[in-house]
C-alpha cells in the first residue's frame, strides 16, 4: 500500500528528532530562544524609512516604458497608463504605505517610552508589571514579553496630550504633534492596504501627497538636532537635493509630474551609485565595462550606445533600449480564399527608452532632459 506524502513527512520528522535535529515547535514561536532582543530599535525605524523612501523613488522607474510625452501634462492619462500596467507600482506602494508609517510609529513610541514606559503600553495590563514600572524595578524578559504596546492611533493621541500639557517639550515631539493630521493620514494609508488590500493611491495623487506633505515633513524631521547624523547621510548619498526639488515642485500651481519623475529617478540611481561606490564622471574604463556587463539588460546592446553623458553619474554610458509593452493583432492571408485561408498574428508593440548601463538611470520622452 502506497504511503501518502503527509505520512512520509511525519516519518521524516520522527527520524530527524531521533537524530537530535528537531523541527521548530510552532507552539513556542514566541519563546525567547528564537529571538534576539534589540535594546535600541532606533535603527529599525530608519531602515523602514529608508525602504519607504527608496520605494517612492522607484515608482517612476516601474512604469517608465508605459509613459510618454503624450501623457506628460495630463494627470488622468498618466494615472490611466499606470493603472493598466500597475504590477510594479503596486509593489512600490505596498512598501511605501507600510514602511513610512512604521518609521513614525516606532519614533512616536520611542518618544513616549523615553518619558516613561507606561506611556507606550496599554494601561489595562498585568498589575504586577505595572507595579514594577511605577517603582522602577527592572523587568524580566517574561515581563517584557507580556507588555502590550499601544496602537499607533492611541500612541499619537497620547503624544499630543503630553505636548499640549507641556509635559513633552522637545522639538521632535512638538514637530510630530504639529503634523498630527498627516500622521493620522499615513496610518490610514497603511491600514487600507494592510487590512483589505483593495485601495491604492493613484500615481499622480501619490506624487501630490509626497511633494506637498510627506517629504516636507520628512525634511523637517531630519533638520531636528536629534536626526542630524541621518540628514548628513541623506546629503552624502545625493538624495536630499532631489527631495528638496520635489518639494519645490509641489508648491507650484501646476505640478509637473515629469519633473518629479526626473528627481525620483535621480534619487534612485544616486542611491545605487553610493552603494556601488561608482565615481561620478570619472569611473575607470575597466570598471565601466565590468559594471555594464553585469547590469546590461537583454534589450540593450553596445551597438546602441549614444555619445551622451548620463544625467546622474555623468559617465558616457548611455544606451537605447526597448521593451515589449503589448501586442497588435493582424491578419495574414485571405479569409475568402479556398487555399490556405488566413491566420491571426500578434505583432509586438515596443516602447523605446534610454538607460545608463552604469548606474541604471532610465528615462524616455516623458521626461525632458535639459
Protein backbone atom coordinates (compact mmCIF):
# COMPACT_ATOMS: atom_id res chain seq x y z
CA UNK A 1 0.00 0.00 0.00
CA UNK A 2 1.35 3.44 -1.03
CA UNK A 3 2.36 5.83 1.74
CA UNK A 4 0.70 9.25 1.43
CA UNK A 5 3.02 12.29 1.32
CA UNK A 6 1.86 13.53 4.72
CA UNK A 7 2.71 10.22 6.38
CA UNK A 8 6.13 10.43 4.72
CA UNK A 9 6.66 13.90 6.22
CA UNK A 10 5.72 12.59 9.66
CA UNK A 11 8.20 9.75 9.25
CA UNK A 12 10.98 12.17 8.28
CA UNK A 13 10.20 14.38 11.29
CA UNK A 14 10.41 11.37 13.63
CA UNK A 15 13.72 10.34 12.06
CA UNK A 16 15.16 13.84 12.47
CA UNK A 17 14.03 14.00 16.09
CA UNK A 18 15.71 10.64 16.68
CA UNK A 19 18.95 12.18 15.38
CA UNK A 20 18.50 15.19 17.64
CA UNK A 21 17.63 17.51 14.72
CA UNK A 22 14.28 18.78 15.91
CA UNK A 23 11.79 20.78 13.86
CA UNK A 24 10.82 24.25 15.05
CA UNK A 25 7.99 23.96 17.56
CA UNK A 26 5.18 26.21 16.31
CA UNK A 27 3.70 26.31 19.82
CA UNK A 28 6.89 28.00 21.03
CA UNK A 29 7.03 30.55 18.20
CA UNK A 30 7.08 33.48 20.67
CA UNK A 31 9.64 31.96 23.03
CA UNK A 32 12.88 33.86 23.67
CA UNK A 33 15.08 31.10 22.24
CA UNK A 34 14.01 32.03 18.71
CA UNK A 35 14.76 35.75 19.00
CA UNK A 36 17.45 38.33 19.63
CA UNK A 37 16.28 41.25 21.74
CA UNK A 38 17.21 44.70 20.43
CA UNK A 39 17.98 47.04 23.31
CA UNK A 40 17.69 50.00 20.92
CA UNK A 41 15.34 49.73 17.93
CA UNK A 42 16.25 53.20 16.66
CA UNK A 43 17.97 51.78 13.57
CA UNK A 44 14.96 49.59 12.76
CA UNK A 45 12.87 52.75 12.41
CA UNK A 46 15.37 54.25 9.97
CA UNK A 47 15.61 51.04 7.95
CA UNK A 48 11.85 51.32 7.49
CA UNK A 49 12.05 54.97 6.46
CA UNK A 50 14.86 54.17 4.01
CA UNK A 51 12.80 51.36 2.45
CA UNK A 52 9.73 53.61 2.15
CA UNK A 53 11.66 56.45 0.51
CA UNK A 54 13.55 54.15 -1.85
CA UNK A 55 10.27 52.58 -2.97
CA UNK A 56 8.77 56.02 -3.61
CA UNK A 57 11.79 56.95 -5.76
CA UNK A 58 11.25 53.66 -7.62
CA UNK A 59 7.66 54.43 -8.68
CA UNK A 60 8.52 56.18 -11.97
CA UNK A 61 11.08 53.52 -12.91
CA UNK A 62 8.45 50.80 -12.58
CA UNK A 63 6.12 52.44 -15.13
CA UNK A 64 8.65 54.34 -17.27
CA UNK A 65 8.05 52.43 -20.53
CA UNK A 66 4.29 52.97 -20.36
CA UNK A 67 4.51 56.76 -20.12
CA UNK A 68 5.41 59.13 -22.95
CA UNK A 69 5.36 62.82 -23.91
CA UNK A 70 1.68 62.39 -24.84
CA UNK A 71 0.74 61.84 -21.17
CA UNK A 72 3.24 64.33 -19.73
CA UNK A 73 0.77 67.15 -18.98
CA UNK A 74 -2.35 65.05 -18.44
CA UNK A 75 -2.94 63.72 -14.94
CA UNK A 76 -5.81 61.43 -15.97
CA UNK A 77 -3.81 59.85 -18.80
CA UNK A 78 -0.80 59.24 -16.53
CA UNK A 79 -2.99 57.56 -13.90
CA UNK A 80 -4.75 55.51 -16.60
CA UNK A 81 -1.47 54.16 -18.05
CA UNK A 82 -0.12 53.31 -14.60
CA UNK A 83 -3.36 51.59 -13.59
CA UNK A 84 -3.27 49.48 -16.77
CA UNK A 85 0.29 48.36 -16.05
CA UNK A 86 0.37 48.53 -12.29
CA UNK A 87 2.17 45.40 -11.02
CA UNK A 88 5.46 47.18 -10.26
CA UNK A 89 3.67 50.25 -8.92
CA UNK A 90 1.57 48.13 -6.53
CA UNK A 91 4.76 46.55 -5.14
CA UNK A 92 6.23 50.00 -4.53
CA UNK A 93 3.02 51.32 -2.99
CA UNK A 94 2.80 48.43 -0.50
CA UNK A 95 6.29 49.17 0.79
CA UNK A 96 5.66 52.92 0.88
CA UNK A 97 2.41 52.65 2.84
CA UNK A 98 3.78 50.11 5.33
CA UNK A 99 7.30 51.40 5.94
CA UNK A 100 6.81 55.18 6.07
CA UNK A 101 4.09 54.71 8.71
CA UNK A 102 6.24 52.16 10.54
CA UNK A 103 9.07 54.69 10.97
CA UNK A 104 6.76 57.24 12.59
CA UNK A 105 5.07 54.62 14.78
CA UNK A 106 8.40 53.45 16.21
CA UNK A 107 9.63 57.00 16.72
CA UNK A 108 6.42 58.11 18.48
CA UNK A 109 6.64 55.13 20.82
CA UNK A 110 10.32 55.90 21.44
CA UNK A 111 9.38 59.44 22.50
CA UNK A 112 6.66 58.12 24.83
CA UNK A 113 8.88 55.43 26.31
CA UNK A 114 11.71 57.89 26.86
CA UNK A 115 9.39 59.88 29.18
CA UNK A 116 8.09 56.72 30.83
CA UNK A 117 7.47 53.13 29.65
CA UNK A 118 3.85 53.37 30.88
CA UNK A 119 3.08 55.99 28.24
CA UNK A 120 3.88 53.48 25.48
CA UNK A 121 1.97 50.43 26.78
CA UNK A 122 -1.66 49.55 27.41
CA UNK A 123 -2.83 50.81 30.78
CA UNK A 124 -5.01 47.75 31.48
CA UNK A 125 -2.10 45.38 31.83
CA UNK A 126 -0.75 42.99 34.44
CA UNK A 127 -0.84 44.80 37.83
CA UNK A 128 2.42 43.11 38.92
CA UNK A 129 4.23 44.50 35.88
CA UNK A 130 2.62 47.92 36.36
CA UNK A 131 3.79 47.92 39.98
CA UNK A 132 7.37 47.21 38.85
CA UNK A 133 7.19 50.01 36.28
CA UNK A 134 5.85 52.50 38.82
CA UNK A 135 8.62 51.61 41.29
CA UNK A 136 11.35 51.49 38.59
CA UNK A 137 12.02 47.79 39.23
CA UNK A 138 13.77 46.06 36.29
CA UNK A 139 11.51 43.87 34.17
CA UNK A 140 12.35 40.27 33.35
CA UNK A 141 12.29 39.02 29.73
CA UNK A 142 8.96 37.35 30.54
CA UNK A 143 7.59 40.68 31.79
CA UNK A 144 8.77 42.41 28.62
CA UNK A 145 7.03 39.79 26.53
CA UNK A 146 3.75 40.44 28.34
CA UNK A 147 3.89 44.21 27.84
CA UNK A 148 1.38 45.22 25.18
CA UNK A 149 2.37 48.20 23.09
CA UNK A 150 -0.39 50.71 22.35
CA UNK A 151 -1.80 51.00 18.85
CA UNK A 152 -0.49 53.81 16.64
CA UNK A 153 -3.67 55.93 16.95
CA UNK A 154 -3.53 55.73 20.73
CA UNK A 155 0.20 56.50 20.74
CA UNK A 156 -0.14 59.69 18.69
CA UNK A 157 -3.13 60.80 20.81
CA UNK A 158 -1.07 60.34 23.98
CA UNK A 159 1.86 62.25 22.48
CA UNK A 160 -0.50 65.07 21.52
CA UNK A 161 -1.83 65.41 25.09
CA UNK A 162 1.66 65.29 26.62
CA UNK A 163 2.80 68.10 24.31
CA UNK A 164 -0.36 70.18 24.82
CA UNK A 165 0.04 69.97 28.62
CA UNK A 166 3.72 70.90 28.44
CA UNK A 167 4.98 67.53 29.69
CA UNK A 168 6.95 66.88 26.50
CA UNK A 169 8.63 69.96 25.05
CA UNK A 170 11.45 68.60 22.83
CA UNK A 171 11.46 69.76 19.19
CA UNK A 172 10.76 66.28 17.75
CA UNK A 173 7.63 65.71 19.86
CA UNK A 174 6.38 69.21 19.09
CA UNK A 175 7.00 68.70 15.34
CA UNK A 176 5.17 65.35 15.36
CA UNK A 177 2.14 66.85 17.08
CA UNK A 178 2.20 69.79 14.68
CA UNK A 179 1.80 67.17 11.92
CA UNK A 180 -0.88 65.21 13.80
CA UNK A 181 -3.32 65.10 10.84
CA UNK A 182 -0.61 63.93 8.46
CA UNK A 183 0.43 61.14 10.82
CA UNK A 184 -3.20 60.03 11.07
CA UNK A 185 -3.41 60.09 7.25
CA UNK A 186 -0.27 57.95 6.93
CA UNK A 187 -1.80 55.45 9.35
CA UNK A 188 -4.99 55.32 7.26
CA UNK A 189 -2.88 54.75 4.15
CA UNK A 190 -1.20 51.80 5.81
CA UNK A 191 -4.45 50.35 7.20
CA UNK A 192 -6.37 50.49 3.91
CA UNK A 193 -3.73 48.41 2.12
CA UNK A 194 -2.87 46.09 5.03
CA UNK A 195 -6.34 45.00 6.13
CA UNK A 196 -8.14 44.63 2.81
CA UNK A 197 -5.59 45.23 0.06
CA UNK A 198 -8.16 46.82 -2.24
CA UNK A 199 -7.29 50.53 -2.33
CA UNK A 200 -4.09 52.15 -3.51
CA UNK A 201 -3.45 55.82 -4.14
CA UNK A 202 -3.21 56.85 -7.81
CA UNK A 203 0.24 57.60 -9.22
CA UNK A 204 -0.16 61.38 -9.58
CA UNK A 205 -2.01 61.72 -6.27
CA UNK A 206 0.89 59.91 -4.58
CA UNK A 207 3.25 62.50 -6.09
CA UNK A 208 0.95 65.26 -4.80
CA UNK A 209 0.87 63.71 -1.32
CA UNK A 210 4.63 63.27 -1.13
CA UNK A 211 5.64 66.61 -2.66
CA UNK A 212 3.17 68.65 -0.57
CA UNK A 213 3.02 66.77 2.74
CA UNK A 214 5.22 63.70 3.34
CA UNK A 215 8.59 64.93 2.07
CA UNK A 216 8.30 68.41 3.67
CA UNK A 217 7.58 66.64 6.99
CA UNK A 218 10.48 64.18 6.49
CA UNK A 219 12.79 67.11 5.69
CA UNK A 220 11.69 68.94 8.85
CA UNK A 221 12.29 65.79 10.89
CA UNK A 222 15.81 65.38 9.53
CA UNK A 223 16.58 69.02 10.30
CA UNK A 224 15.94 68.40 14.01
CA UNK A 225 19.17 68.15 16.00
CA UNK A 226 18.39 64.59 17.08
CA UNK A 227 18.39 63.38 13.44
CA UNK A 228 21.34 65.46 12.18
CA UNK A 229 23.52 62.40 11.50
CA UNK A 230 20.81 60.92 9.26
CA UNK A 231 20.46 64.27 7.47
CA UNK A 232 24.18 64.16 6.62
CA UNK A 233 23.72 60.60 5.35
CA UNK A 234 20.92 61.71 3.03
CA UNK A 235 23.07 64.54 1.70
CA UNK A 236 26.06 62.26 1.26
CA UNK A 237 24.01 59.79 -0.77
CA UNK A 238 22.82 62.51 -3.14
CA UNK A 239 19.17 62.13 -2.15
CA UNK A 240 18.47 65.27 -0.11
CA UNK A 241 18.73 67.63 -3.09
CA UNK A 242 16.14 65.61 -5.04
CA UNK A 243 13.81 65.63 -2.02
CA UNK A 244 14.06 69.44 -1.87
CA UNK A 245 13.37 69.80 -5.60
CA UNK A 246 10.31 67.52 -5.40
CA UNK A 247 9.04 69.68 -2.52
CA UNK A 248 9.61 72.83 -4.61
CA UNK A 249 7.61 71.29 -7.47
CA UNK A 250 4.76 70.51 -5.07
CA UNK A 251 4.45 74.22 -4.20
CA UNK A 252 3.60 75.20 -7.78
CA UNK A 253 0.07 75.91 -9.01
CA UNK A 254 0.54 73.29 -11.74
CA UNK A 255 2.72 70.33 -10.77
CA UNK A 256 4.95 68.78 -13.43
CA UNK A 257 4.87 65.02 -12.86
CA UNK A 258 7.60 64.77 -15.49
CA UNK A 259 9.96 66.89 -13.35
CA UNK A 260 9.09 64.91 -10.22
CA UNK A 261 9.77 61.68 -12.15
CA UNK A 262 13.21 63.03 -13.13
CA UNK A 263 14.07 63.79 -9.49
CA UNK A 264 12.79 60.40 -8.31
CA UNK A 265 14.97 58.64 -10.88
CA UNK A 266 17.98 60.77 -9.88
CA UNK A 267 17.46 59.85 -6.21
CA UNK A 268 17.00 56.14 -7.04
CA UNK A 269 20.21 55.99 -9.07
CA UNK A 270 22.22 58.16 -6.68
CA UNK A 271 21.47 55.55 -4.01
CA UNK A 272 22.75 52.84 -6.37
CA UNK A 273 25.89 54.90 -7.09
CA UNK A 274 26.50 55.30 -3.34
CA UNK A 275 26.02 51.59 -2.63
CA UNK A 276 28.17 50.57 -5.64
CA UNK A 277 30.90 53.16 -5.00
CA UNK A 278 30.72 54.41 -8.61
CA UNK A 279 32.80 57.51 -9.38
CA UNK A 280 30.70 60.24 -10.96
CA UNK A 281 32.13 61.40 -14.30
CA UNK A 282 35.49 59.70 -13.81
CA UNK A 283 34.86 55.99 -13.47
CA UNK A 284 37.76 53.90 -14.83
CA UNK A 285 37.22 52.24 -18.22
CA UNK A 286 37.74 48.71 -16.88
CA UNK A 287 35.22 49.31 -14.08
CA UNK A 288 32.69 50.69 -16.57
CA UNK A 289 32.95 47.57 -18.74
CA UNK A 290 32.65 45.25 -15.75
CA UNK A 291 29.60 47.03 -14.25
CA UNK A 292 27.85 47.36 -17.63
CA UNK A 293 28.38 43.66 -18.37
CA UNK A 294 26.70 42.85 -15.06
CA UNK A 295 23.82 45.32 -15.43
CA UNK A 296 23.08 45.22 -19.17
CA UNK A 297 19.50 44.13 -19.83
CA UNK A 298 18.71 41.76 -22.74
CA UNK A 299 17.13 44.67 -24.63
CA UNK A 300 20.28 46.78 -24.57
CA UNK A 301 23.32 46.28 -26.77
CA UNK A 302 26.64 48.09 -27.20
CA UNK A 303 25.73 48.92 -30.81
CA UNK A 304 23.01 51.21 -29.42
CA UNK A 305 25.36 53.28 -27.29
CA UNK A 306 24.86 57.06 -27.53
CA UNK A 307 27.54 59.70 -27.42
CA UNK A 308 25.96 61.31 -24.37
CA UNK A 309 26.62 61.60 -20.66
CA UNK A 310 24.28 60.14 -18.07
CA UNK A 311 22.30 62.88 -16.24
CA UNK A 312 23.02 61.08 -12.98
CA UNK A 313 26.52 59.56 -12.94
CA UNK A 314 27.96 61.85 -15.65
CA UNK A 315 29.67 58.98 -17.48
CA UNK A 316 29.33 58.28 -21.23
CA UNK A 317 27.43 55.06 -20.70
CA UNK A 318 24.02 55.78 -22.25
CA UNK A 319 22.22 53.11 -24.28
CA UNK A 320 19.00 52.96 -26.26
CA UNK A 321 16.77 50.07 -25.25
CA UNK A 322 13.27 48.84 -25.90
CA UNK A 323 10.68 46.70 -24.14
CA UNK A 324 7.65 44.83 -25.41
CA UNK A 325 4.65 46.57 -23.81
CA UNK A 326 1.82 44.84 -25.70
CA UNK A 327 0.68 43.30 -28.99
CA UNK A 328 -1.29 44.37 -32.04
CA UNK A 329 -3.41 41.84 -33.90
CA UNK A 330 -3.08 41.46 -37.66
CA UNK A 331 -4.28 39.00 -40.28
CA UNK A 332 -2.28 37.03 -42.82
CA UNK A 333 -3.93 35.66 -45.97
CA UNK A 334 -7.42 36.00 -47.36
CA UNK A 335 -10.39 34.73 -45.37
CA UNK A 336 -12.32 34.17 -48.65
CA UNK A 337 -9.53 32.09 -50.18
CA UNK A 338 -10.16 28.39 -50.65
CA UNK A 339 -6.46 27.67 -50.39
CA UNK A 340 -4.72 28.12 -47.07
CA UNK A 341 -7.23 30.58 -45.59
CA UNK A 342 -5.85 33.19 -43.20
CA UNK A 343 -4.39 33.37 -39.71
CA UNK A 344 -4.31 35.95 -36.91
CA UNK A 345 -0.84 37.04 -35.82
CA UNK A 346 0.31 39.05 -32.81
CA UNK A 347 2.71 41.89 -33.61
CA UNK A 348 4.75 43.15 -30.64
CA UNK A 349 4.47 46.82 -29.64
CA UNK A 350 7.79 48.24 -28.47
CA UNK A 351 8.50 51.21 -26.23
CA UNK A 352 11.92 52.79 -26.52
CA UNK A 353 13.78 54.21 -23.56
CA UNK A 354 17.24 55.42 -22.64
CA UNK A 355 19.23 53.74 -19.91
CA UNK A 356 22.63 54.24 -18.33
CA UNK A 357 24.49 50.94 -18.32
CA UNK A 358 26.46 52.07 -15.29
CA UNK A 359 24.02 53.50 -12.72
CA UNK A 360 20.73 52.36 -14.33
CA UNK A 361 19.23 55.85 -14.83
CA UNK A 362 16.25 55.21 -17.13
CA UNK A 363 14.02 57.65 -18.95
CA UNK A 364 12.07 58.25 -22.16
CA UNK A 365 10.35 61.25 -23.73
CA UNK A 366 8.01 61.56 -20.71
CA UNK A 367 10.99 63.28 -19.08
CA UNK A 368 12.58 66.30 -20.69
CA UNK A 369 16.34 66.27 -20.22
CA UNK A 370 17.55 69.87 -20.48
